[in-house]
N, C-alpha and C. Protein backbone atom coordinates (compact mmCIF):
# COMPACT_ATOMS: atom_id res chain seq x y z
N MET A 1 129.82 -55.34 -213.00
CA MET A 1 129.12 -56.78 -213.44
C MET A 1 128.74 -57.10 -211.53
N ILE A 2 129.86 -57.11 -210.48
CA ILE A 2 129.92 -58.15 -209.92
C ILE A 2 128.30 -56.97 -208.75
N SER A 3 128.31 -55.95 -209.05
CA SER A 3 127.27 -55.14 -207.91
C SER A 3 126.14 -55.46 -208.67
N ARG A 4 125.80 -55.49 -209.81
CA ARG A 4 124.72 -55.76 -210.48
C ARG A 4 124.36 -57.58 -209.94
N ILE A 5 124.94 -57.98 -209.50
CA ILE A 5 124.90 -59.29 -209.47
C ILE A 5 124.81 -59.64 -208.42
N LEU A 6 125.16 -58.92 -207.63
CA LEU A 6 125.10 -58.71 -205.83
C LEU A 6 123.41 -57.68 -205.41
N ALA A 7 123.19 -57.08 -206.09
CA ALA A 7 121.82 -56.56 -206.45
C ALA A 7 120.64 -56.90 -206.50
N ARG A 8 121.05 -58.26 -207.53
CA ARG A 8 120.02 -58.96 -208.39
C ARG A 8 119.59 -60.03 -206.61
N PHE A 9 121.23 -60.49 -206.09
CA PHE A 9 120.66 -61.57 -205.37
C PHE A 9 120.07 -60.64 -203.99
N SER A 10 120.10 -59.30 -203.88
CA SER A 10 119.63 -58.93 -202.87
C SER A 10 117.82 -59.26 -202.85
N ALA A 11 117.51 -58.44 -203.55
CA ALA A 11 116.47 -58.00 -204.46
C ALA A 11 115.84 -59.80 -204.41
N ILE A 12 116.24 -60.74 -204.97
CA ILE A 12 115.64 -62.03 -204.58
C ILE A 12 115.57 -62.59 -203.13
N PHE A 13 116.83 -62.19 -202.61
CA PHE A 13 116.86 -62.52 -201.00
C PHE A 13 115.76 -62.01 -200.60
N GLY A 14 115.52 -60.82 -200.89
CA GLY A 14 114.58 -59.90 -200.14
C GLY A 14 113.10 -59.66 -200.00
N ALA A 15 112.53 -60.79 -201.77
CA ALA A 15 111.47 -60.72 -201.62
C ALA A 15 111.22 -62.43 -201.31
N ALA A 16 112.44 -63.40 -200.86
CA ALA A 16 111.91 -64.89 -200.40
C ALA A 16 111.97 -64.37 -198.89
N LEU A 17 112.73 -63.41 -198.58
CA LEU A 17 112.13 -62.95 -197.03
C LEU A 17 110.84 -62.47 -196.97
N LEU A 18 110.33 -61.61 -197.28
CA LEU A 18 108.85 -61.15 -196.86
C LEU A 18 107.83 -62.52 -197.48
N SER A 19 108.28 -62.97 -198.62
CA SER A 19 107.40 -64.11 -199.09
C SER A 19 107.00 -64.89 -197.58
N THR A 20 108.38 -65.68 -196.97
CA THR A 20 108.32 -66.32 -195.28
C THR A 20 107.39 -64.89 -194.41
N SER A 21 107.71 -63.87 -194.12
CA SER A 21 107.31 -63.72 -193.27
C SER A 21 105.68 -63.35 -193.22
N ALA A 22 105.15 -63.52 -194.79
CA ALA A 22 103.78 -63.46 -195.07
C ALA A 22 102.88 -64.84 -194.50
N TYR A 23 103.67 -65.64 -194.89
CA TYR A 23 103.22 -67.40 -194.57
C TYR A 23 103.18 -67.04 -192.52
N ALA A 24 104.17 -66.73 -192.60
CA ALA A 24 104.42 -66.82 -190.57
C ALA A 24 103.45 -65.80 -190.10
N GLN A 25 102.42 -64.90 -190.52
CA GLN A 25 101.47 -64.10 -190.33
C GLN A 25 100.27 -64.71 -189.25
N VAL A 26 100.39 -66.18 -189.72
CA VAL A 26 99.05 -67.05 -189.22
C VAL A 26 100.09 -68.20 -188.78
N SER A 27 99.47 -68.53 -187.74
CA SER A 27 99.88 -69.30 -186.74
C SER A 27 98.98 -70.55 -186.47
N VAL A 28 99.33 -71.78 -186.25
CA VAL A 28 98.20 -73.12 -185.84
C VAL A 28 98.70 -73.27 -184.46
N THR A 29 97.37 -73.68 -183.67
CA THR A 29 98.16 -74.35 -182.50
C THR A 29 97.41 -75.47 -182.56
N ASP A 30 97.60 -76.72 -181.72
CA ASP A 30 96.73 -77.36 -180.99
C ASP A 30 95.84 -79.07 -182.13
N PRO A 31 96.23 -79.06 -183.62
CA PRO A 31 95.58 -79.18 -184.39
C PRO A 31 95.57 -80.80 -184.33
N TRP A 32 94.55 -81.16 -184.59
CA TRP A 32 94.28 -82.48 -184.75
C TRP A 32 93.05 -82.88 -185.49
N ILE A 33 93.10 -84.38 -185.98
CA ILE A 33 92.18 -84.80 -186.77
C ILE A 33 91.36 -86.29 -186.14
N ARG A 34 90.55 -86.28 -186.13
CA ARG A 34 89.51 -87.66 -185.36
C ARG A 34 90.45 -89.19 -185.82
N ALA A 35 90.28 -89.75 -185.68
CA ALA A 35 91.01 -91.26 -186.32
C ALA A 35 89.73 -91.86 -186.63
N THR A 36 90.00 -92.94 -188.10
CA THR A 36 88.03 -93.77 -188.46
C THR A 36 88.32 -94.91 -188.51
N VAL A 37 87.39 -95.67 -188.70
CA VAL A 37 87.43 -97.14 -189.02
C VAL A 37 87.13 -97.19 -190.33
N PRO A 38 87.75 -98.62 -190.48
CA PRO A 38 87.97 -98.83 -192.05
C PRO A 38 87.17 -98.30 -193.15
N VAL A 39 86.01 -98.19 -193.26
CA VAL A 39 84.58 -98.23 -193.88
C VAL A 39 83.73 -96.59 -193.84
N GLN A 40 84.12 -95.61 -192.97
CA GLN A 40 84.01 -94.46 -192.54
C GLN A 40 84.91 -93.40 -193.61
N LYS A 41 83.64 -92.57 -193.80
CA LYS A 41 84.39 -91.99 -195.47
C LYS A 41 84.43 -90.05 -195.07
N SER A 42 84.55 -90.10 -193.51
CA SER A 42 84.16 -88.69 -192.97
C SER A 42 84.98 -88.47 -192.03
N THR A 43 85.27 -87.02 -191.35
CA THR A 43 86.05 -86.97 -190.60
C THR A 43 86.02 -85.76 -189.66
N GLY A 44 86.33 -85.03 -188.88
CA GLY A 44 86.25 -83.43 -188.70
C GLY A 44 88.11 -83.39 -188.03
N ALA A 45 88.23 -82.09 -188.31
CA ALA A 45 90.01 -81.67 -188.07
C ALA A 45 89.70 -80.14 -187.32
N PHE A 46 90.69 -80.47 -186.18
CA PHE A 46 90.34 -78.94 -185.40
C PHE A 46 91.63 -78.33 -184.90
N MET A 47 91.48 -77.31 -184.52
CA MET A 47 92.98 -76.58 -184.23
C MET A 47 92.85 -74.95 -183.72
N GLN A 48 93.37 -74.52 -183.21
CA GLN A 48 93.51 -73.15 -183.10
C GLN A 48 94.18 -72.29 -183.86
N VAL A 49 93.36 -71.37 -185.11
CA VAL A 49 94.20 -70.45 -185.73
C VAL A 49 94.08 -69.22 -185.52
N GLN A 50 95.62 -68.32 -185.93
CA GLN A 50 95.60 -66.97 -185.60
C GLN A 50 96.52 -65.95 -186.18
N SER A 51 95.89 -64.87 -186.14
CA SER A 51 96.24 -64.35 -187.81
C SER A 51 96.82 -62.91 -187.14
N ALA A 52 98.22 -62.23 -187.50
CA ALA A 52 98.88 -60.93 -187.27
C ALA A 52 97.38 -59.63 -187.06
N ALA A 53 97.18 -60.17 -188.93
CA ALA A 53 96.48 -59.60 -189.69
C ALA A 53 95.56 -59.73 -190.37
N PRO A 54 94.13 -59.38 -190.56
CA PRO A 54 93.01 -59.49 -190.75
C PRO A 54 92.93 -60.10 -191.87
N VAL A 55 92.31 -61.25 -191.82
CA VAL A 55 92.32 -62.94 -193.16
C VAL A 55 91.20 -63.37 -192.75
N ARG A 56 91.06 -63.99 -194.07
CA ARG A 56 89.76 -64.86 -193.88
C ARG A 56 90.19 -66.29 -194.35
N LEU A 57 90.13 -67.14 -193.61
CA LEU A 57 90.56 -68.58 -193.90
C LEU A 57 89.34 -68.90 -195.14
N VAL A 58 89.87 -69.63 -196.39
CA VAL A 58 88.67 -69.47 -197.26
C VAL A 58 88.56 -70.57 -197.85
N GLU A 59 89.51 -71.43 -197.17
CA GLU A 59 89.50 -73.29 -198.12
C GLU A 59 90.96 -74.05 -197.35
N VAL A 60 90.25 -75.35 -197.46
CA VAL A 60 91.30 -76.53 -196.99
C VAL A 60 91.02 -77.46 -197.90
N ARG A 61 92.63 -77.99 -197.84
CA ARG A 61 92.60 -79.24 -199.17
C ARG A 61 93.90 -80.58 -198.36
N THR A 62 93.07 -81.43 -198.74
CA THR A 62 94.13 -82.60 -198.13
C THR A 62 94.52 -83.74 -199.47
N GLU A 63 95.19 -84.22 -199.50
CA GLU A 63 95.44 -85.34 -200.10
C GLU A 63 94.60 -86.75 -199.92
N VAL A 64 94.25 -86.53 -198.78
CA VAL A 64 93.34 -87.66 -197.99
C VAL A 64 91.74 -88.16 -198.50
N ALA A 65 91.86 -86.76 -198.61
CA ALA A 65 90.38 -86.78 -198.99
C ALA A 65 89.74 -86.42 -200.08
N GLY A 66 88.22 -86.64 -200.64
CA GLY A 66 87.95 -85.98 -201.73
C GLY A 66 87.75 -84.90 -202.15
N ARG A 67 86.96 -84.49 -200.38
CA ARG A 67 87.05 -82.96 -200.45
C ARG A 67 86.82 -82.32 -198.62
N ALA A 68 87.51 -81.58 -198.81
CA ALA A 68 87.99 -80.70 -197.24
C ALA A 68 86.78 -79.37 -197.27
N GLU A 69 86.33 -79.41 -196.43
CA GLU A 69 84.99 -78.30 -196.46
C GLU A 69 85.28 -77.49 -194.98
N LEU A 70 84.94 -75.83 -194.69
CA LEU A 70 84.82 -75.31 -193.31
C LEU A 70 83.36 -75.12 -192.87
N HIS A 71 83.05 -75.83 -191.66
CA HIS A 71 81.82 -76.02 -191.50
C HIS A 71 81.79 -75.54 -190.14
N GLU A 72 80.21 -74.80 -189.72
CA GLU A 72 79.71 -74.38 -188.41
C GLU A 72 78.35 -75.36 -188.11
N MET A 73 78.88 -75.58 -186.23
CA MET A 73 78.09 -75.95 -185.88
C MET A 73 77.00 -74.64 -184.88
N ALA A 74 76.00 -74.85 -185.28
CA ALA A 74 75.16 -73.95 -184.65
C ALA A 74 73.29 -74.38 -184.60
N MET A 75 73.15 -73.63 -183.34
CA MET A 75 71.77 -74.03 -183.03
C MET A 75 70.76 -73.27 -184.21
N ASP A 76 69.96 -74.12 -184.58
CA ASP A 76 68.71 -73.67 -185.23
C ASP A 76 67.41 -74.07 -184.32
N GLY A 77 66.93 -73.40 -183.78
CA GLY A 77 65.81 -73.55 -182.86
C GLY A 77 66.65 -74.71 -181.98
N GLN A 78 66.45 -75.25 -181.52
CA GLN A 78 65.86 -76.42 -180.22
C GLN A 78 66.96 -77.08 -181.26
N VAL A 79 67.43 -77.44 -182.39
CA VAL A 79 68.62 -78.60 -183.32
C VAL A 79 69.65 -77.96 -183.24
N MET A 80 70.94 -78.80 -183.17
CA MET A 80 72.07 -78.03 -183.46
C MET A 80 71.90 -78.27 -184.71
N ARG A 81 72.52 -78.10 -185.92
CA ARG A 81 73.02 -78.03 -186.91
C ARG A 81 74.52 -77.51 -187.61
N MET A 82 74.36 -78.45 -188.04
CA MET A 82 76.00 -78.07 -189.27
C MET A 82 75.50 -77.98 -190.64
N ARG A 83 76.76 -76.97 -190.91
CA ARG A 83 76.53 -76.77 -192.19
C ARG A 83 77.80 -76.20 -193.07
N ARG A 84 78.41 -76.26 -194.03
CA ARG A 84 79.26 -75.22 -194.99
C ARG A 84 79.16 -73.84 -194.69
N VAL A 85 80.52 -73.33 -194.36
CA VAL A 85 80.83 -72.18 -194.94
C VAL A 85 81.32 -71.46 -196.09
N ASP A 86 81.35 -70.37 -196.67
CA ASP A 86 82.47 -69.71 -197.61
C ASP A 86 83.33 -69.41 -196.85
N GLY A 87 83.88 -69.27 -195.51
CA GLY A 87 85.03 -68.72 -194.97
C GLY A 87 84.79 -68.27 -193.53
N ILE A 88 85.77 -68.04 -192.65
CA ILE A 88 85.68 -68.16 -191.18
C ILE A 88 86.92 -67.01 -191.27
N ASP A 89 86.62 -65.75 -190.62
CA ASP A 89 87.55 -64.26 -190.25
C ASP A 89 88.39 -65.01 -189.51
N LEU A 90 89.60 -64.24 -189.56
CA LEU A 90 90.80 -64.62 -188.69
C LEU A 90 91.07 -62.84 -188.24
N PRO A 91 90.53 -62.35 -186.87
CA PRO A 91 90.56 -61.03 -187.06
C PRO A 91 91.99 -61.02 -186.16
N ALA A 92 92.93 -60.08 -186.30
CA ALA A 92 94.06 -59.49 -186.07
C ALA A 92 94.19 -60.01 -185.03
N GLY A 93 95.63 -60.45 -184.50
CA GLY A 93 95.88 -61.13 -183.17
C GLY A 93 94.63 -62.01 -182.67
N LYS A 94 93.52 -62.16 -183.10
CA LYS A 94 93.23 -63.07 -181.75
C LYS A 94 92.56 -64.52 -182.42
N PRO A 95 92.65 -65.26 -181.29
CA PRO A 95 92.64 -66.94 -182.04
C PRO A 95 91.14 -67.23 -181.80
N VAL A 96 90.86 -67.92 -183.00
CA VAL A 96 89.96 -69.02 -184.10
C VAL A 96 89.98 -70.07 -183.57
N ASN A 97 89.13 -70.88 -182.35
CA ASN A 97 88.71 -71.92 -182.73
C ASN A 97 88.67 -72.45 -183.75
N LEU A 98 88.84 -73.40 -184.02
CA LEU A 98 88.10 -75.05 -184.85
C LEU A 98 87.95 -75.89 -184.48
N ALA A 99 86.70 -76.04 -183.60
CA ALA A 99 87.01 -77.23 -182.29
C ALA A 99 85.36 -78.07 -183.07
N THR A 100 84.74 -78.76 -182.01
CA THR A 100 83.70 -79.71 -181.78
C THR A 100 82.73 -78.38 -181.12
N GLY A 101 81.88 -78.23 -182.19
CA GLY A 101 80.44 -77.87 -181.50
C GLY A 101 80.34 -76.37 -182.01
N GLY A 102 80.85 -75.73 -183.06
CA GLY A 102 81.68 -74.89 -183.52
C GLY A 102 82.03 -75.21 -184.99
N TYR A 103 82.88 -73.66 -184.87
CA TYR A 103 83.74 -73.86 -186.68
C TYR A 103 84.70 -74.97 -186.44
N HIS A 104 84.52 -75.56 -187.71
CA HIS A 104 86.02 -76.91 -188.10
C HIS A 104 85.88 -77.14 -189.20
N VAL A 105 86.43 -77.64 -189.51
CA VAL A 105 87.00 -78.94 -190.64
C VAL A 105 86.27 -79.89 -191.13
N MET A 106 85.89 -80.26 -192.01
CA MET A 106 85.19 -81.37 -192.19
C MET A 106 85.73 -82.39 -193.52
N LEU A 107 85.98 -83.44 -193.28
CA LEU A 107 87.24 -83.72 -194.54
C LEU A 107 86.07 -84.90 -194.94
N PHE A 108 85.61 -84.73 -196.32
CA PHE A 108 85.14 -85.99 -196.50
C PHE A 108 85.21 -87.01 -197.64
N ASP A 109 84.85 -87.76 -198.20
CA ASP A 109 85.24 -89.15 -199.45
C ASP A 109 86.33 -89.26 -198.94
N LEU A 110 87.12 -89.88 -197.75
CA LEU A 110 88.48 -90.62 -197.34
C LEU A 110 88.67 -91.35 -198.42
N LYS A 111 90.17 -91.57 -198.34
CA LYS A 111 90.32 -91.84 -199.50
C LYS A 111 91.23 -93.53 -198.74
N ARG A 112 91.18 -93.04 -197.33
CA ARG A 112 91.95 -94.69 -196.95
C ARG A 112 91.36 -94.13 -195.19
N GLN A 113 91.34 -95.20 -194.24
CA GLN A 113 91.66 -94.84 -193.05
C GLN A 113 92.62 -94.08 -192.37
N LEU A 114 92.52 -93.16 -191.23
CA LEU A 114 93.39 -92.39 -190.71
C LEU A 114 93.20 -92.99 -189.41
N LYS A 115 94.51 -93.33 -189.32
CA LYS A 115 95.02 -94.03 -188.11
C LYS A 115 95.96 -93.33 -187.00
N GLU A 116 95.19 -92.87 -185.77
CA GLU A 116 96.04 -93.07 -184.61
C GLU A 116 97.68 -92.34 -184.73
N GLY A 117 98.34 -91.48 -183.98
CA GLY A 117 99.45 -92.20 -184.51
C GLY A 117 100.13 -91.44 -185.83
N GLU A 118 98.91 -90.98 -186.53
CA GLU A 118 100.21 -90.83 -188.40
C GLU A 118 99.91 -89.36 -187.95
N ASN A 119 100.33 -88.71 -188.97
CA ASN A 119 100.44 -86.97 -189.34
C ASN A 119 99.61 -86.73 -190.50
N VAL A 120 98.69 -86.27 -191.33
CA VAL A 120 98.02 -85.75 -192.35
C VAL A 120 98.11 -84.52 -193.06
N GLU A 121 98.63 -84.06 -193.73
CA GLU A 121 98.97 -83.08 -194.24
C GLU A 121 97.84 -81.79 -194.79
N LEU A 122 97.22 -81.00 -194.07
CA LEU A 122 96.25 -80.23 -194.31
C LEU A 122 97.00 -78.55 -195.03
N THR A 123 96.61 -77.95 -196.16
CA THR A 123 96.84 -77.05 -196.72
C THR A 123 95.44 -75.74 -196.35
N LEU A 124 95.76 -74.74 -195.78
CA LEU A 124 94.51 -73.86 -195.20
C LEU A 124 95.19 -72.51 -196.12
N VAL A 125 94.09 -72.19 -196.66
CA VAL A 125 94.28 -71.07 -197.78
C VAL A 125 93.82 -70.11 -197.17
N VAL A 126 94.08 -68.76 -196.62
CA VAL A 126 93.73 -67.53 -196.20
C VAL A 126 93.83 -66.69 -197.27
N GLN A 127 92.43 -65.47 -197.24
CA GLN A 127 92.80 -64.82 -198.21
C GLN A 127 92.68 -63.00 -197.12
N ASP A 128 93.66 -62.18 -198.26
CA ASP A 128 93.11 -60.71 -197.09
C ASP A 128 92.24 -59.89 -197.94
N ALA A 129 92.16 -58.45 -197.59
CA ALA A 129 91.33 -57.70 -197.56
C ALA A 129 91.31 -57.30 -199.26
N ALA A 130 92.44 -57.81 -200.11
CA ALA A 130 93.08 -57.32 -201.31
C ALA A 130 92.69 -58.32 -201.95
N ARG A 131 92.28 -59.42 -201.46
CA ARG A 131 92.23 -60.89 -202.39
C ARG A 131 93.23 -61.75 -202.52
N LYS A 132 94.15 -60.90 -201.90
CA LYS A 132 95.45 -61.98 -202.10
C LYS A 132 95.39 -63.28 -201.35
N ARG A 133 95.66 -64.83 -201.65
CA ARG A 133 95.88 -65.29 -201.14
C ARG A 133 97.18 -66.15 -201.05
N GLN A 134 97.00 -66.49 -199.33
CA GLN A 134 98.71 -67.21 -199.36
C GLN A 134 97.96 -68.64 -199.01
N GLU A 135 98.78 -69.86 -198.48
CA GLU A 135 98.60 -71.10 -197.79
C GLU A 135 99.79 -71.42 -197.47
N LEU A 136 99.16 -72.00 -196.00
CA LEU A 136 99.90 -72.81 -194.89
C LEU A 136 100.18 -74.36 -194.90
N LYS A 137 100.62 -74.93 -195.11
CA LYS A 137 101.14 -76.32 -194.96
C LYS A 137 100.78 -76.75 -193.24
N VAL A 138 100.02 -77.26 -193.17
CA VAL A 138 100.00 -78.20 -191.36
C VAL A 138 100.02 -79.75 -191.24
N ALA A 139 100.91 -80.16 -190.53
CA ALA A 139 101.51 -81.65 -190.98
C ALA A 139 100.29 -81.78 -188.95
N VAL A 140 98.51 -83.05 -189.23
CA VAL A 140 97.92 -82.64 -188.32
C VAL A 140 98.07 -83.89 -187.53
N PRO A 141 98.37 -84.18 -186.03
CA PRO A 141 98.51 -85.37 -185.94
C PRO A 141 96.85 -86.18 -185.83
N VAL A 142 96.48 -87.60 -185.81
CA VAL A 142 95.59 -88.36 -186.08
C VAL A 142 94.97 -88.73 -184.64
N LYS A 143 94.34 -88.23 -183.78
CA LYS A 143 94.14 -88.89 -182.18
C LYS A 143 92.80 -89.79 -182.08
N PRO A 144 93.13 -90.82 -181.49
CA PRO A 144 92.24 -91.97 -181.46
C PRO A 144 90.82 -91.48 -181.30
N LEU A 145 89.80 -92.29 -181.67
CA LEU A 145 88.36 -91.93 -182.07
C LEU A 145 87.85 -91.22 -180.66
N THR A 146 88.07 -91.96 -179.73
CA THR A 146 87.44 -91.60 -178.33
C THR A 146 88.09 -89.76 -178.02
N TYR A 147 89.40 -88.98 -178.03
CA TYR A 147 89.57 -88.33 -177.76
C TYR A 147 89.07 -87.02 -177.72
N SER A 148 89.07 -86.13 -176.59
CA SER A 148 88.50 -85.25 -176.29
C SER A 148 89.52 -84.25 -175.93
N VAL A 149 89.22 -82.94 -176.36
CA VAL A 149 90.27 -82.08 -175.53
C VAL A 149 89.73 -81.78 -174.21
N HIS A 150 88.33 -81.89 -174.05
CA HIS A 150 88.10 -81.68 -172.51
C HIS A 150 88.86 -82.64 -171.65
N ALA A 151 88.51 -83.65 -172.07
CA ALA A 151 89.33 -85.11 -171.27
C ALA A 151 90.32 -84.99 -171.04
N GLY A 152 91.11 -83.99 -170.85
CA GLY A 152 92.33 -83.88 -170.64
C GLY A 152 93.69 -84.79 -171.13
N HIS A 153 93.33 -84.74 -172.58
CA HIS A 153 94.87 -85.84 -173.07
C HIS A 153 95.57 -84.57 -173.57
């Protein structure tokens, strides 16, 4: 009886460890969201994302916005255009920058002002080649309206 209980506990504990390591495959560094003024309804979120295995970032969610979308800024002739993308590939072991002027996250229909110094929780959803999805929750600091990574902040 005790051996069955120990075996069952080991199986559950092992599954929990595997689940934890699956989430640990994707890491996020230097996340930030640009602060907003009271009437502003959208803003951007930026970060560097890296995965140990090849996956695709396919969705972002947050409670502070009506919707969150993955976007890309790219030149279209002589004009820089922003467009929604269905996903962003995260090659194994290679960091992918979600930054101004390239891939990034847009938050639309903001439910409130985002103020400098607070943290906003984002949920990143990645999908592997077998279409298995995993979620990663990230606490993202809100930076000033004038914040720029290039300005040495």
